[in-house]
Structures are given as C-alpha cells and as structure tokens.
PDB file of all heavy atoms in Angstrom:
ATOM      1  N   VAL A   1       0.830  -1.190   0.000  1.00  0.00           N
ATOM      2  CA  VAL A   1       0.000   0.000   0.000  1.00  0.00           C
ATOM      3  C   VAL A   1       0.863   1.237   0.000  1.00  0.00           C
ATOM      4  O   VAL A   1       2.016   1.215   0.421  1.00  0.00           O
ATOM      5  CB  VAL A   1      -0.940   0.028   1.228  1.00  0.00           C
ATOM      6  CG1 VAL A   1      -1.782  -1.218   1.280  1.00  0.00           C
ATOM      7  CG2 VAL A   1      -0.154   0.164   2.526  1.00  0.00           C
ATOM      8  N   SER A   2       0.298   2.335  -0.496  1.00  0.00           N
ATOM      9  CA  SER A   2       0.971   3.620  -0.438  1.00  0.00           C
ATOM     10  C   SER A   2       0.788   4.184   0.975  1.00  0.00           C
ATOM     11  O   SER A   2      -0.318   4.254   1.486  1.00  0.00           O
ATOM     12  CB  SER A   2       0.355   4.562  -1.484  1.00  0.00           C
ATOM     13  OG  SER A   2       0.844   5.865  -1.305  1.00  0.00           O
ATOM     14  N   TYR A   3       1.901   4.571   1.613  1.00  0.00           N
ATOM     15  CA  TYR A   3       1.827   5.018   3.007  1.00  0.00           C
ATOM     16  C   TYR A   3       1.022   6.304   3.156  1.00  0.00           C
ATOM     17  O   TYR A   3       0.476   6.569   4.216  1.00  0.00           O
ATOM     18  CB  TYR A   3       3.241   5.190   3.573  1.00  0.00           C
ATOM     19  CG  TYR A   3       3.895   3.858   3.865  1.00  0.00           C
ATOM     20  CD1 TYR A   3       4.846   3.326   2.999  1.00  0.00           C
ATOM     21  CD2 TYR A   3       3.519   3.119   4.984  1.00  0.00           C
ATOM     22  CE1 TYR A   3       5.423   2.085   3.251  1.00  0.00           C
ATOM     23  CE2 TYR A   3       4.084   1.875   5.240  1.00  0.00           C
ATOM     24  CZ  TYR A   3       5.038   1.372   4.379  1.00  0.00           C
ATOM     25  OH  TYR A   3       5.593   0.147   4.624  1.00  0.00           O
ATOM     26  N   ARG A   4       0.925   7.111   2.087  1.00  0.00           N
ATOM     27  CA  ARG A   4       0.130   8.327   2.202  1.00  0.00           C
ATOM     28  C   ARG A   4      -1.366   8.010   2.261  1.00  0.00           C
ATOM     29  O   ARG A   4      -2.162   8.855   2.646  1.00  0.00           O
ATOM     30  CB  ARG A   4       0.426   9.297   1.050  1.00  0.00           C
ATOM     31  CG  ARG A   4       0.132   8.767  -0.325  1.00  0.00           C
ATOM     32  CD  ARG A   4       0.851   9.613  -1.388  1.00  0.00           C
ATOM     33  NE  ARG A   4       0.721   9.026  -2.700  1.00  0.00           N
ATOM     34  CZ  ARG A   4      -0.160   9.399  -3.595  1.00  0.00           C
ATOM     35  NH1 ARG A   4      -1.023  10.351  -3.306  1.00  0.00           N
ATOM     36  NH2 ARG A   4      -0.201   8.825  -4.775  1.00  0.00           N
ATOM     37  N   HIS A   5      -1.740   6.765   1.891  1.00  0.00           N
ATOM     38  CA  HIS A   5      -3.145   6.351   1.985  1.00  0.00           C
ATOM     39  C   HIS A   5      -3.361   5.344   3.118  1.00  0.00           C
ATOM     40  O   HIS A   5      -4.416   4.727   3.187  1.00  0.00           O
ATOM     41  CB  HIS A   5      -3.601   5.712   0.666  1.00  0.00           C
ATOM     42  CG  HIS A   5      -3.516   6.632  -0.517  1.00  0.00           C
ATOM     43  ND1 HIS A   5      -3.881   7.953  -0.446  1.00  0.00           N
ATOM     44  CD2 HIS A   5      -3.098   6.413  -1.799  1.00  0.00           C
ATOM     45  CE1 HIS A   5      -3.697   8.518  -1.650  1.00  0.00           C
ATOM     46  NE2 HIS A   5      -3.226   7.610  -2.460  1.00  0.00           N
ATOM     47  N   LEU A   6      -2.366   5.183   3.987  1.00  0.00           N
ATOM     48  CA  LEU A   6      -2.429   4.138   5.000  1.00  0.00           C
ATOM     49  C   LEU A   6      -3.645   4.286   5.903  1.00  0.00           C
ATOM     50  O   LEU A   6      -4.329   3.307   6.218  1.00  0.00           O
ATOM     51  CB  LEU A   6      -1.144   4.161   5.849  1.00  0.00           C
ATOM     52  CG  LEU A   6      -0.931   2.949   6.766  1.00  0.00           C
ATOM     53  CD1 LEU A   6      -0.888   1.668   5.966  1.00  0.00           C
ATOM     54  CD2 LEU A   6       0.351   3.122   7.567  1.00  0.00           C
ATOM     55  N   LYS A   7      -3.937   5.529   6.304  1.00  0.00           N
ATOM     56  CA  LYS A   7      -5.085   5.775   7.182  1.00  0.00           C
ATOM     57  C   LYS A   7      -6.385   5.347   6.496  1.00  0.00           C
ATOM     58  O   LYS A   7      -7.269   4.748   7.109  1.00  0.00           O
ATOM     59  CB  LYS A   7      -5.137   7.256   7.550  1.00  0.00           C
ATOM     60  CG  LYS A   7      -6.237   7.609   8.536  1.00  0.00           C
ATOM     61  CD  LYS A   7      -6.192   9.090   8.900  1.00  0.00           C
ATOM     62  CE  LYS A   7      -7.319   9.450   9.854  1.00  0.00           C
ATOM     63  NZ  LYS A   7      -7.323  10.904  10.180  1.00  0.00           N
ATOM     64  N   ARG A   8      -6.501   5.658   5.201  1.00  0.00           N
ATOM     65  CA  ARG A   8      -7.718   5.310   4.448  1.00  0.00           C
ATOM     66  C   ARG A   8      -7.827   3.793   4.287  1.00  0.00           C
ATOM     67  O   ARG A   8      -8.923   3.233   4.386  1.00  0.00           O
ATOM     68  CB  ARG A   8      -7.688   6.003   3.080  1.00  0.00           C
ATOM     69  CG  ARG A   8      -8.943   5.786   2.244  1.00  0.00           C
ATOM     70  CD  ARG A   8     -10.186   6.290   2.937  1.00  0.00           C
ATOM     71  NE  ARG A   8     -11.341   6.315   2.041  1.00  0.00           N
ATOM     72  CZ  ARG A   8     -12.591   6.288   2.434  1.00  0.00           C
ATOM     73  NH1 ARG A   8     -12.877   6.248   3.717  1.00  0.00           N
ATOM     74  NH2 ARG A   8     -13.573   6.322   1.549  1.00  0.00           N
ATOM     75  N   TYR A   9      -6.689   3.122   4.032  1.00  0.00           N
ATOM     76  CA  TYR A   9      -6.703   1.664   3.932  1.00  0.00           C
ATOM     77  C   TYR A   9      -7.222   1.044   5.227  1.00  0.00           C
ATOM     78  O   TYR A   9      -8.029   0.109   5.212  1.00  0.00           O
ATOM     79  CB  TYR A   9      -5.299   1.131   3.646  1.00  0.00           C
ATOM     80  CG  TYR A   9      -4.925   1.100   2.191  1.00  0.00           C
ATOM     81  CD1 TYR A   9      -3.955   1.956   1.680  1.00  0.00           C
ATOM     82  CD2 TYR A   9      -5.521   0.192   1.314  1.00  0.00           C
ATOM     83  CE1 TYR A   9      -3.598   1.930   0.344  1.00  0.00           C
ATOM     84  CE2 TYR A   9      -5.157   0.149  -0.024  1.00  0.00           C
ATOM     85  CZ  TYR A   9      -4.202   1.015  -0.499  1.00  0.00           C
ATOM     86  OH  TYR A   9      -3.854   0.981  -1.818  1.00  0.00           O
ATOM     87  N   LYS A  10      -6.771   1.553   6.364  1.00  0.00           N
ATOM     88  CA  LYS A  10      -7.200   1.025   7.662  1.00  0.00           C
ATOM     89  C   LYS A  10      -8.709   1.190   7.837  1.00  0.00           C
ATOM     90  O   LYS A  10      -9.399   0.298   8.332  1.00  0.00           O
ATOM     91  CB  LYS A  10      -6.462   1.742   8.791  1.00  0.00           C
ATOM     92  CG  LYS A  10      -4.998   1.353   8.913  1.00  0.00           C
ATOM     93  CD  LYS A  10      -4.348   2.101  10.070  1.00  0.00           C
ATOM     94  CE  LYS A  10      -2.890   1.699  10.218  1.00  0.00           C
ATOM     95  NZ  LYS A  10      -2.218   2.433  11.330  1.00  0.00           N
ATOM     96  N   GLU A  11      -9.210   2.357   7.397  1.00  0.00           N
ATOM     97  CA  GLU A  11     -10.641   2.624   7.520  1.00  0.00           C
ATOM     98  C   GLU A  11     -11.448   1.655   6.648  1.00  0.00           C
ATOM     99  O   GLU A  11     -12.473   1.117   7.068  1.00  0.00           O
ATOM    100  CB  GLU A  11     -10.936   4.070   7.126  1.00  0.00           C
ATOM    101  CG  GLU A  11     -12.388   4.474   7.362  1.00  0.00           C
ATOM    102  CD  GLU A  11     -12.655   5.920   6.964  1.00  0.00           C
ATOM    103  OE1 GLU A  11     -11.746   6.585   6.418  1.00  0.00           O
ATOM    104  OE2 GLU A  11     -13.787   6.389   7.190  1.00  0.00           O
ATOM    105  N   ILE A  12     -10.963   1.418   5.413  1.00  0.00           N
ATOM    106  CA  ILE A  12     -11.643   0.506   4.489  1.00  0.00           C
ATOM    107  C   ILE A  12     -11.671  -0.908   5.066  1.00  0.00           C
ATOM    108  O   ILE A  12     -12.711  -1.580   5.072  1.00  0.00           O
ATOM    109  CB  ILE A  12     -10.961   0.515   3.102  1.00  0.00           C
ATOM    110  CG1 ILE A  12     -11.203   1.860   2.404  1.00  0.00           C
ATOM    111  CG2 ILE A  12     -11.467  -0.629   2.230  1.00  0.00           C
ATOM    112  CD1 ILE A  12     -10.383   2.059   1.149  1.00  0.00           C
ATOM    113  N   VAL A  13     -10.518  -1.351   5.584  1.00  0.00           N
ATOM    114  CA  VAL A  13     -10.428  -2.693   6.165  1.00  0.00           C
ATOM    115  C   VAL A  13     -11.359  -2.818   7.372  1.00  0.00           C
ATOM    116  O   VAL A  13     -12.076  -3.815   7.530  1.00  0.00           O
ATOM    117  CB  VAL A  13      -8.969  -3.003   6.571  1.00  0.00           C
ATOM    118  CG1 VAL A  13      -8.917  -4.268   7.434  1.00  0.00           C
ATOM    119  CG2 VAL A  13      -8.109  -3.182   5.334  1.00  0.00           C
ATOM    120  N   ARG A  14     -11.388  -1.788   8.217  1.00  0.00           N
ATOM    121  CA  ARG A  14     -12.251  -1.811   9.410  1.00  0.00           C
ATOM    122  C   ARG A  14     -13.720  -1.974   9.029  1.00  0.00           C
ATOM    123  O   ARG A  14     -14.457  -2.784   9.611  1.00  0.00           O
ATOM    124  CB  ARG A  14     -12.050  -0.524  10.219  1.00  0.00           C
ATOM    125  CG  ARG A  14     -12.943  -0.450  11.462  1.00  0.00           C
ATOM    126  CD  ARG A  14     -12.770   0.877  12.164  1.00  0.00           C
ATOM    127  NE  ARG A  14     -13.197   2.002  11.348  1.00  0.00           N
ATOM    128  CZ  ARG A  14     -14.459   2.348  11.140  1.00  0.00           C
ATOM    129  NH1 ARG A  14     -15.456   1.642  11.682  1.00  0.00           N
ATOM    130  NH2 ARG A  14     -14.757   3.391  10.376  1.00  0.00           N
ATOM    131  N   ILE A  15     -14.152  -1.209   8.010  1.00  0.00           N
ATOM    132  CA  ILE A  15     -15.564  -1.260   7.593  1.00  0.00           C
ATOM    133  C   ILE A  15     -15.895  -2.592   6.916  1.00  0.00           C
ATOM    134  O   ILE A  15     -16.964  -3.168   7.133  1.00  0.00           O
ATOM    135  CB  ILE A  15     -15.887  -0.064   6.678  1.00  0.00           C
ATOM    136  CG1 ILE A  15     -15.817   1.239   7.492  1.00  0.00           C
ATOM    137  CG2 ILE A  15     -17.268  -0.210   6.044  1.00  0.00           C
ATOM    138  CD1 ILE A  15     -15.910   2.498   6.676  1.00  0.00           C
ATOM    139  N   LEU A  16     -14.952  -3.111   6.102  1.00  0.00           N
ATOM    140  CA  LEU A  16     -15.173  -4.417   5.473  1.00  0.00           C
ATOM    141  C   LEU A  16     -15.330  -5.508   6.528  1.00  0.00           C
ATOM    142  O   LEU A  16     -16.205  -6.377   6.425  1.00  0.00           O
ATOM    143  CB  LEU A  16     -14.009  -4.748   4.529  1.00  0.00           C
ATOM    144  CG  LEU A  16     -13.939  -3.971   3.216  1.00  0.00           C
ATOM    145  CD1 LEU A  16     -12.676  -4.337   2.449  1.00  0.00           C
ATOM    146  CD2 LEU A  16     -15.161  -4.219   2.347  1.00  0.00           C
ATOM    147  N   LEU A  17     -14.485  -5.454   7.561  1.00  0.00           N
ATOM    148  CA  LEU A  17     -14.572  -6.443   8.630  1.00  0.00           C
ATOM    149  C   LEU A  17     -15.870  -6.280   9.423  1.00  0.00           C
ATOM    150  O   LEU A  17     -16.504  -7.258   9.817  1.00  0.00           O
ATOM    151  CB  LEU A  17     -13.372  -6.310   9.573  1.00  0.00           C
ATOM    152  CG  LEU A  17     -12.002  -6.675   8.980  1.00  0.00           C
ATOM    153  CD1 LEU A  17     -10.910  -6.417   9.994  1.00  0.00           C
ATOM    154  CD2 LEU A  17     -11.971  -8.130   8.533  1.00  0.00           C
ATOM    155  N   LYS A  18     -16.258  -5.027   9.642  1.00  0.00           N
ATOM    156  CA  LYS A  18     -17.473  -4.746  10.406  1.00  0.00           C
ATOM    157  C   LYS A  18     -18.691  -5.393   9.765  1.00  0.00           C
ATOM    158  O   LYS A  18     -19.570  -5.918  10.458  1.00  0.00           O
ATOM    159  CB  LYS A  18     -17.668  -3.232  10.515  1.00  0.00           C
ATOM    160  CG  LYS A  18     -18.977  -2.817  11.180  1.00  0.00           C
ATOM    161  CD  LYS A  18     -19.126  -1.305  11.211  1.00  0.00           C
ATOM    162  CE  LYS A  18     -20.482  -0.893  11.757  1.00  0.00           C
ATOM    163  NZ  LYS A  18     -20.655   0.586  11.769  1.00  0.00           N
ATOM    164  N   TYR A  19     -18.748  -5.370   8.422  1.00  0.00           N
ATOM    165  CA  TYR A  19     -19.922  -5.895   7.721  1.00  0.00           C
ATOM    166  C   TYR A  19     -19.712  -7.316   7.188  1.00  0.00           C
ATOM    167  O   TYR A  19     -20.410  -7.757   6.282  1.00  0.00           O
ATOM    168  CB  TYR A  19     -20.320  -4.944   6.596  1.00  0.00           C
ATOM    169  CG  TYR A  19     -20.965  -3.695   7.138  1.00  0.00           C
ATOM    170  CD1 TYR A  19     -20.244  -2.510   7.277  1.00  0.00           C
ATOM    171  CD2 TYR A  19     -22.282  -3.700   7.568  1.00  0.00           C
ATOM    172  CE1 TYR A  19     -20.824  -1.362   7.810  1.00  0.00           C
ATOM    173  CE2 TYR A  19     -22.876  -2.568   8.093  1.00  0.00           C
ATOM    174  CZ  TYR A  19     -22.142  -1.407   8.212  1.00  0.00           C
ATOM    175  OH  TYR A  19     -22.724  -0.286   8.750  1.00  0.00           O
ATOM    176  N   GLY A  20     -18.738  -8.009   7.773  1.00  0.00           N
ATOM    177  CA  GLY A  20     -18.599  -9.429   7.491  1.00  0.00           C
ATOM    178  C   GLY A  20     -17.912  -9.780   6.192  1.00  0.00           C
ATOM    179  O   GLY A  20     -18.081 -10.886   5.684  1.00  0.00           O
ATOM    180  N   PHE A  21     -17.103  -8.852   5.641  1.00  0.00           N
ATOM    181  CA  PHE A  21     -16.376  -9.142   4.404  1.00  0.00           C
ATOM    182  C   PHE A  21     -14.917  -9.483   4.711  1.00  0.00           C
ATOM    183  O   PHE A  21     -14.000  -9.050   4.013  1.00  0.00           O
ATOM    184  CB  PHE A  21     -16.456  -7.949   3.449  1.00  0.00           C
ATOM    185  CG  PHE A  21     -17.847  -7.652   2.967  1.00  0.00           C
ATOM    186  CD1 PHE A  21     -18.497  -6.493   3.352  1.00  0.00           C
ATOM    187  CD2 PHE A  21     -18.514  -8.536   2.143  1.00  0.00           C
ATOM    188  CE1 PHE A  21     -19.779  -6.208   2.918  1.00  0.00           C
ATOM    189  CE2 PHE A  21     -19.807  -8.268   1.707  1.00  0.00           C
ATOM    190  CZ  PHE A  21     -20.443  -7.110   2.090  1.00  0.00           C
ATOM    191  N   SER A  22     -14.694 -10.268   5.778  1.00  0.00           N
ATOM    192  CA  SER A  22     -13.327 -10.609   6.193  1.00  0.00           C
ATOM    193  C   SER A  22     -12.595 -11.409   5.122  1.00  0.00           C
ATOM    194  O   SER A  22     -11.376 -11.308   4.988  1.00  0.00           O
ATOM    195  CB  SER A  22     -13.362 -11.405   7.497  1.00  0.00           C
ATOM    196  OG  SER A  22     -14.150 -12.571   7.351  1.00  0.00           O
ATOM    197  N   ILE A  23     -13.340 -12.200   4.336  1.00  0.00           N
ATOM    198  CA  ILE A  23     -12.706 -13.006   3.288  1.00  0.00           C
ATOM    199  C   ILE A  23     -11.986 -12.122   2.281  1.00  0.00           C
ATOM    200  O   ILE A  23     -10.916 -12.454   1.788  1.00  0.00           O
ATOM    201  CB  ILE A  23     -13.755 -13.901   2.569  1.00  0.00           C
ATOM    202  CG1 ILE A  23     -13.092 -14.834   1.563  1.00  0.00           C
ATOM    203  CG2 ILE A  23     -14.826 -13.070   1.896  1.00  0.00           C
ATOM    204  CD1 ILE A  23     -12.214 -15.870   2.169  1.00  0.00           C
ATOM    205  N   ILE A  24     -12.559 -10.933   1.994  1.00  0.00           N
ATOM    206  CA  ILE A  24     -11.931 -10.003   1.053  1.00  0.00           C
ATOM    207  C   ILE A  24     -10.621  -9.491   1.635  1.00  0.00           C
ATOM    208  O   ILE A  24      -9.596  -9.415   0.954  1.00  0.00           O
ATOM    209  CB  ILE A  24     -12.874  -8.827   0.729  1.00  0.00           C
ATOM    210  CG1 ILE A  24     -14.131  -9.341   0.030  1.00  0.00           C
ATOM    211  CG2 ILE A  24     -12.172  -7.776  -0.121  1.00  0.00           C
ATOM    212  CD1 ILE A  24     -15.156  -8.269  -0.260  1.00  0.00           C
ATOM    213  N   VAL A  25     -10.650  -9.127   2.943  1.00  0.00           N
ATOM    214  CA  VAL A  25      -9.439  -8.622   3.602  1.00  0.00           C
ATOM    215  C   VAL A  25      -8.352  -9.687   3.593  1.00  0.00           C
ATOM    216  O   VAL A  25      -7.187  -9.404   3.315  1.00  0.00           O
ATOM    217  CB  VAL A  25      -9.763  -8.193   5.053  1.00  0.00           C
ATOM    218  CG1 VAL A  25      -8.504  -7.757   5.775  1.00  0.00           C
ATOM    219  CG2 VAL A  25     -10.784  -7.069   5.053  1.00  0.00           C
ATOM    220  N   GLU A  26      -8.728 -10.941   3.875  1.00  0.00           N
ATOM    221  CA  GLU A  26      -7.751 -12.029   3.898  1.00  0.00           C
ATOM    222  C   GLU A  26      -7.122 -12.242   2.525  1.00  0.00           C
ATOM    223  O   GLU A  26      -5.913 -12.420   2.394  1.00  0.00           O
ATOM    224  CB  GLU A  26      -8.428 -13.318   4.366  1.00  0.00           C
ATOM    225  CG  GLU A  26      -8.831 -13.290   5.836  1.00  0.00           C
ATOM    226  CD  GLU A  26      -9.705 -14.477   6.203  1.00  0.00           C
ATOM    227  OE1 GLU A  26      -9.984 -15.304   5.308  1.00  0.00           O
ATOM    228  OE2 GLU A  26     -10.114 -14.566   7.368  1.00  0.00           O
ATOM    229  N   LYS A  27      -7.966 -12.198   1.484  1.00  0.00           N
ATOM    230  CA  LYS A  27      -7.462 -12.443   0.132  1.00  0.00           C
ATOM    231  C   LYS A  27      -6.595 -11.294  -0.361  1.00  0.00           C
ATOM    232  O   LYS A  27      -5.627 -11.490  -1.090  1.00  0.00           O
ATOM    233  CB  LYS A  27      -8.624 -12.669  -0.844  1.00  0.00           C
ATOM    234  CG  LYS A  27      -9.497 -13.884  -0.530  1.00  0.00           C
ATOM    235  CD  LYS A  27      -8.705 -15.156  -0.454  1.00  0.00           C
ATOM    236  CE  LYS A  27      -9.608 -16.343  -0.186  1.00  0.00           C
ATOM    237  NZ  LYS A  27      -8.834 -17.584   0.027  1.00  0.00           N
ATOM    238  N   LEU A  28      -6.947 -10.055   0.030  1.00  0.00           N
ATOM    239  CA  LEU A  28      -6.158  -8.903  -0.410  1.00  0.00           C
ATOM    240  C   LEU A  28      -4.799  -8.885   0.263  1.00  0.00           C
ATOM    241  O   LEU A  28      -3.814  -8.425  -0.310  1.00  0.00           O
ATOM    242  CB  LEU A  28      -6.908  -7.597  -0.105  1.00  0.00           C
ATOM    243  CG  LEU A  28      -8.143  -7.323  -0.950  1.00  0.00           C
ATOM    244  CD1 LEU A  28      -8.816  -6.048  -0.494  1.00  0.00           C
ATOM    245  CD2 LEU A  28      -7.795  -7.220  -2.419  1.00  0.00           C
ATOM    246  N   ASN A  29      -4.737  -9.362   1.521  1.00  0.00           N
ATOM    247  CA  ASN A  29      -3.472  -9.406   2.261  1.00  0.00           C
ATOM    248  C   ASN A  29      -2.756  -8.067   2.216  1.00  0.00           C
ATOM    249  O   ASN A  29      -1.629  -7.945   1.751  1.00  0.00           O
ATOM    250  CB  ASN A  29      -2.570 -10.519   1.693  1.00  0.00           C
ATOM    251  CG  ASN A  29      -1.344 -10.733   2.570  1.00  0.00           C
ATOM    252  OD1 ASN A  29      -1.372 -10.436   3.765  1.00  0.00           O
ATOM    253  ND2 ASN A  29      -0.270 -11.233   1.971  1.00  0.00           N
ATOM    254  N   ILE A  30      -3.432  -7.022   2.691  1.00  0.00           N
ATOM    255  CA  ILE A  30      -2.875  -5.669   2.645  1.00  0.00           C
ATOM    256  C   ILE A  30      -1.774  -5.530   3.694  1.00  0.00           C
ATOM    257  O   ILE A  30      -2.032  -5.504   4.885  1.00  0.00           O
ATOM    258  CB  ILE A  30      -3.972  -4.613   2.884  1.00  0.00           C
ATOM    259  CG1 ILE A  30      -5.107  -4.818   1.885  1.00  0.00           C
ATOM    260  CG2 ILE A  30      -3.424  -3.210   2.778  1.00  0.00           C
ATOM    261  CD1 ILE A  30      -6.285  -3.911   2.101  1.00  0.00           C
ATOM    262  N   GLU A  31      -0.519  -5.448   3.244  1.00  0.00           N
ATOM    263  CA  GLU A  31       0.620  -5.375   4.151  1.00  0.00           C
ATOM    264  C   GLU A  31       0.565  -4.096   4.981  1.00  0.00           C
ATOM    265  O   GLU A  31       0.324  -3.016   4.467  1.00  0.00           O
ATOM    266  CB  GLU A  31       1.925  -5.416   3.354  1.00  0.00           C
ATOM    267  CG  GLU A  31       2.102  -6.739   2.605  1.00  0.00           C
ATOM    268  CD  GLU A  31       3.346  -6.712   1.727  1.00  0.00           C
ATOM    269  OE1 GLU A  31       4.146  -5.784   1.878  1.00  0.00           O
ATOM    270  OE2 GLU A  31       3.503  -7.617   0.903  1.00  0.00           O
ATOM    271  N   GLY A  32       0.844  -4.239   6.245  1.00  0.00           N
ATOM    272  CA  GLY A  32       0.907  -3.077   7.109  1.00  0.00           C
ATOM    273  C   GLY A  32      -0.445  -2.616   7.605  1.00  0.00           C
ATOM    274  O   GLY A  32      -0.548  -1.654   8.334  1.00  0.00           O
ATOM    275  N   VAL A  33      -1.517  -3.293   7.181  1.00  0.00           N
ATOM    276  CA  VAL A  33      -2.861  -2.856   7.572  1.00  0.00           C
ATOM    277  C   VAL A  33      -3.653  -4.012   8.175  1.00  0.00           C
ATOM    278  O   VAL A  33      -4.072  -3.962   9.324  1.00  0.00           O
ATOM    279  CB  VAL A  33      -3.636  -2.271   6.367  1.00  0.00           C
ATOM    280  CG1 VAL A  33      -5.040  -1.885   6.786  1.00  0.00           C
ATOM    281  CG2 VAL A  33      -2.898  -1.055   5.818  1.00  0.00           C
ATOM    282  N   ALA A  34      -3.859  -5.057   7.374  1.00  0.00           N
ATOM    283  CA  ALA A  34      -4.778  -6.126   7.770  1.00  0.00           C
ATOM    284  C   ALA A  34      -4.351  -6.812   9.059  1.00  0.00           C
ATOM    285  O   ALA A  34      -5.174  -7.097   9.920  1.00  0.00           O
ATOM    286  CB  ALA A  34      -4.900  -7.148   6.637  1.00  0.00           C
ATOM    287  N   TYR A  35      -3.043  -7.070   9.194  1.00  0.00           N
ATOM    288  CA  TYR A  35      -2.630  -7.837  10.358  1.00  0.00           C
ATOM    289  C   TYR A  35      -2.740  -7.038  11.648  1.00  0.00           C
ATOM    290  O   TYR A  35      -2.724  -7.595  12.741  1.00  0.00           O
ATOM    291  CB  TYR A  35      -1.186  -8.331  10.181  1.00  0.00           C
ATOM    292  CG  TYR A  35      -0.127  -7.264  10.344  1.00  0.00           C
ATOM    293  CD1 TYR A  35       0.442  -7.014  11.590  1.00  0.00           C
ATOM    294  CD2 TYR A  35       0.302  -6.510   9.254  1.00  0.00           C
ATOM    295  CE1 TYR A  35       1.410  -6.031  11.740  1.00  0.00           C
ATOM    296  CE2 TYR A  35       1.246  -5.533   9.400  1.00  0.00           C
ATOM    297  CZ  TYR A  35       1.814  -5.306  10.643  1.00  0.00           C
ATOM    298  OH  TYR A  35       2.765  -4.332  10.783  1.00  0.00           O
ATOM    299  N   LYS A  36      -2.872  -5.730  11.560  1.00  0.00           N
ATOM    300  CA  LYS A  36      -2.996  -4.884  12.746  1.00  0.00           C
ATOM    301  C   LYS A  36      -4.434  -4.795  13.247  1.00  0.00           C
ATOM    302  O   LYS A  36      -4.700  -4.309  14.323  1.00  0.00           O
ATOM    303  CB  LYS A  36      -2.475  -3.470  12.448  1.00  0.00           C
ATOM    304  CG  LYS A  36      -0.958  -3.430  12.217  1.00  0.00           C
ATOM    305  CD  LYS A  36      -0.486  -2.002  12.013  1.00  0.00           C
ATOM    306  CE  LYS A  36       1.026  -1.950  11.804  1.00  0.00           C
ATOM    307  NZ  LYS A  36       1.486  -0.566  11.595  1.00  0.00           N
ATOM    308  N   ILE A  37      -5.389  -5.230  12.407  1.00  0.00           N
ATOM    309  CA  ILE A  37      -6.799  -5.148  12.781  1.00  0.00           C
ATOM    310  C   ILE A  37      -7.323  -6.559  12.998  1.00  0.00           C
ATOM    311  O   ILE A  37      -7.351  -7.355  12.057  1.00  0.00           O
ATOM    312  CB  ILE A  37      -7.620  -4.428  11.694  1.00  0.00           C
ATOM    313  CG1 ILE A  37      -7.060  -3.025  11.476  1.00  0.00           C
ATOM    314  CG2 ILE A  37      -9.092  -4.376  12.069  1.00  0.00           C
ATOM    315  CD1 ILE A  37      -7.744  -2.260  10.389  1.00  0.00           C
ATOM    316  N   PRO A  38      -7.708  -6.921  14.212  1.00  0.00           N
ATOM    317  CA  PRO A  38      -8.173  -8.294  14.464  1.00  0.00           C
ATOM    318  C   PRO A  38      -9.443  -8.609  13.685  1.00  0.00           C
ATOM    319  O   PRO A  38     -10.339  -7.782  13.587  1.00  0.00           O
ATOM    320  CB  PRO A  38      -8.440  -8.299  15.978  1.00  0.00           C
ATOM    321  CG  PRO A  38      -8.687  -6.862  16.324  1.00  0.00           C
ATOM    322  CD  PRO A  38      -7.827  -6.057  15.400  1.00  0.00           C
ATOM    323  N   ILE A  39      -9.483  -9.803  13.121  1.00  0.00           N
ATOM    324  CA  ILE A  39     -10.665 -10.244  12.367  1.00  0.00           C
ATOM    325  C   ILE A  39     -11.658 -10.860  13.358  1.00  0.00           C
ATOM    326  O   ILE A  39     -11.395 -11.896  13.956  1.00  0.00           O
ATOM    327  CB  ILE A  39     -10.282 -11.255  11.272  1.00  0.00           C
ATOM    328  CG1 ILE A  39      -9.377 -10.578  10.233  1.00  0.00           C
ATOM    329  CG2 ILE A  39     -11.517 -11.847  10.619  1.00  0.00           C
ATOM    330  CD1 ILE A  39      -8.949 -11.483   9.118  1.00  0.00           C
ATOM    331  N   THR A  40     -12.760 -10.188  13.560  1.00  0.00           N
ATOM    332  CA  THR A  40     -13.771 -10.639  14.510  1.00  0.00           C
ATOM    333  C   THR A  40     -15.083 -10.910  13.786  1.00  0.00           C
ATOM    334  O   THR A  40     -15.314 -10.399  12.703  1.00  0.00           O
ATOM    335  CB  THR A  40     -14.002  -9.572  15.595  1.00  0.00           C
ATOM    336  OG1 THR A  40     -14.384  -8.343  14.961  1.00  0.00           O
ATOM    337  CG2 THR A  40     -12.745  -9.352  16.420  1.00  0.00           C
ATOM    338  N   ASN A  41     -15.912 -11.703  14.414  1.00  0.00           N
ATOM    339  CA  ASN A  41     -17.224 -11.987  13.833  1.00  0.00           C
ATOM    340  C   ASN A  41     -18.131 -10.768  13.972  1.00  0.00           C
ATOM    341  O   ASN A  41     -18.173 -10.146  15.034  1.00  0.00           O
ATOM    342  CB  ASN A  41     -17.871 -13.179  14.539  1.00  0.00           C
ATOM    343  CG  ASN A  41     -17.210 -14.474  14.142  1.00  0.00           C
ATOM    344  OD1 ASN A  41     -16.770 -14.629  13.005  1.00  0.00           O
ATOM    345  ND2 ASN A  41     -17.114 -15.401  15.080  1.00  0.00           N
TER     346      ASN A  41
END
C-alpha cells in the first residue's frame, strides 16, 4: 500500500470487517494494515 493512503486503507479494512467481508481482507493481504486489525465476527 501507499503510506500516504495508510489511514484510508485502515478505515476501508475496518468497515469491510465490520460488515462481514473478512474473506476479502484475507485475500487482499494488505501489508501493514490487515494484520494490525483483528478479524472478529
């Protein structure tokens, strides 16, 4: 990811996880973002 968009990437990942799209986050494997946000049901 581009570090200047890091904050936005985190927000996108958070919302995707919130609405149950964790499979997308796992498949994208966004370095520096996904692993910092726990995947919860």
